Amino acid sequence: MSMPSKLDKVRLGESLDRRVKLTEAQKQEIRERYSRGGIGQRPLAKEYGVSRSLIQIIVNPDIAEYK
């Protein structure tokens, strides 16, 4: 028995995109928690399963304009 191809997985509705997607509510929660202090970008990134650079962009959106 062979492994399903990527096309088969798409047909079956399985997601091939492994990137974590944050909801707007999660982004707002990150902004609020970071602005209150007491938690840094790295712990937030680990908690939400995303990169520190994504947290940095969320808490400081102006930085995204330069990338």
Protein backbone atom coordinates (compact mmCIF):
# COMPACT_ATOMS: atom_id res chain seq x y z
CA MET A 1 0.00 0.00 0.00
CA SER A 2 1.49 3.35 -1.05
CA MET A 3 1.49 6.59 0.86
CA PRO A 4 -1.10 9.14 -0.26
CA SER A 5 0.25 11.82 -2.58
CA LYS A 6 -0.11 15.52 -1.92
CA LEU A 7 -2.93 15.63 -4.45
CA ASP A 8 -4.73 12.81 -2.63
CA LYS A 9 -4.39 14.69 0.64
CA VAL A 10 -5.86 17.83 -0.91
CA ARG A 11 -8.75 15.81 -2.30
CA LEU A 12 -9.33 14.31 1.14
CA GLY A 13 -9.34 17.77 2.70
CA GLU A 14 -6.18 17.32 4.74
CA SER A 15 -4.22 20.49 5.26
CA LEU A 16 -0.65 20.50 4.03
CA ASP A 17 0.01 23.92 5.51
CA ARG A 18 1.79 23.37 8.82
CA ARG A 19 2.17 27.04 9.64
CA VAL A 20 0.33 28.11 12.75
CA LYS A 21 -2.36 30.64 12.11
CA LEU A 22 -3.32 33.01 14.87
CA THR A 23 -6.80 34.42 15.14
CA GLU A 24 -7.37 38.12 15.57
CA ALA A 25 -8.44 37.41 19.15
CA GLN A 26 -5.13 35.64 19.84
CA LYS A 27 -3.19 38.53 18.31
CA GLN A 28 -5.07 41.00 20.49
CA GLU A 29 -4.41 38.85 23.57
CA ILE A 30 -0.69 38.78 22.72
CA ARG A 31 -0.63 42.58 22.36
CA GLU A 32 -2.41 43.07 25.69
CA ARG A 33 -0.26 40.58 27.61
CA TYR A 34 2.96 42.01 26.19
CA SER A 35 1.95 45.61 26.91
CA ARG A 36 1.12 44.77 30.55
CA GLY A 37 4.67 43.51 30.97
CA GLY A 38 5.90 40.51 32.86
CA ILE A 39 6.14 38.31 29.76
CA GLY A 40 8.59 38.56 26.91
CA GLN A 41 8.39 37.78 23.24
CA ARG A 42 10.13 34.40 23.47
CA PRO A 43 7.79 32.95 26.11
CA LEU A 44 4.79 34.21 24.13
CA ALA A 45 6.17 32.63 20.96
CA LYS A 46 6.68 29.31 22.70
CA GLU A 47 3.21 29.39 24.24
CA TYR A 48 1.50 30.08 20.90
CA GLY A 49 3.79 27.84 18.85
CA VAL A 50 5.04 30.61 16.58
CA SER A 51 8.35 32.36 15.97
CA ARG A 52 9.65 35.21 18.09
CA SER A 53 9.81 37.35 14.96
CA LEU A 54 6.06 36.88 14.41
CA ILE A 55 5.40 37.98 17.99
CA GLN A 56 7.64 40.99 17.37
CA ILE A 57 5.59 41.93 14.29
CA ILE A 58 2.34 41.53 16.24
CA VAL A 59 3.43 43.73 19.15
CA ASN A 60 5.22 46.25 16.92
CA PRO A 61 3.48 46.29 13.51
CA ASP A 62 5.68 49.17 12.29
CA ILE A 63 8.57 46.70 12.08
CA ALA A 64 6.76 44.70 9.38
CA GLU A 65 6.91 47.70 7.04
CA TYR A 66 10.70 47.49 6.94
CA LYS A 67 10.92 43.77 6.09
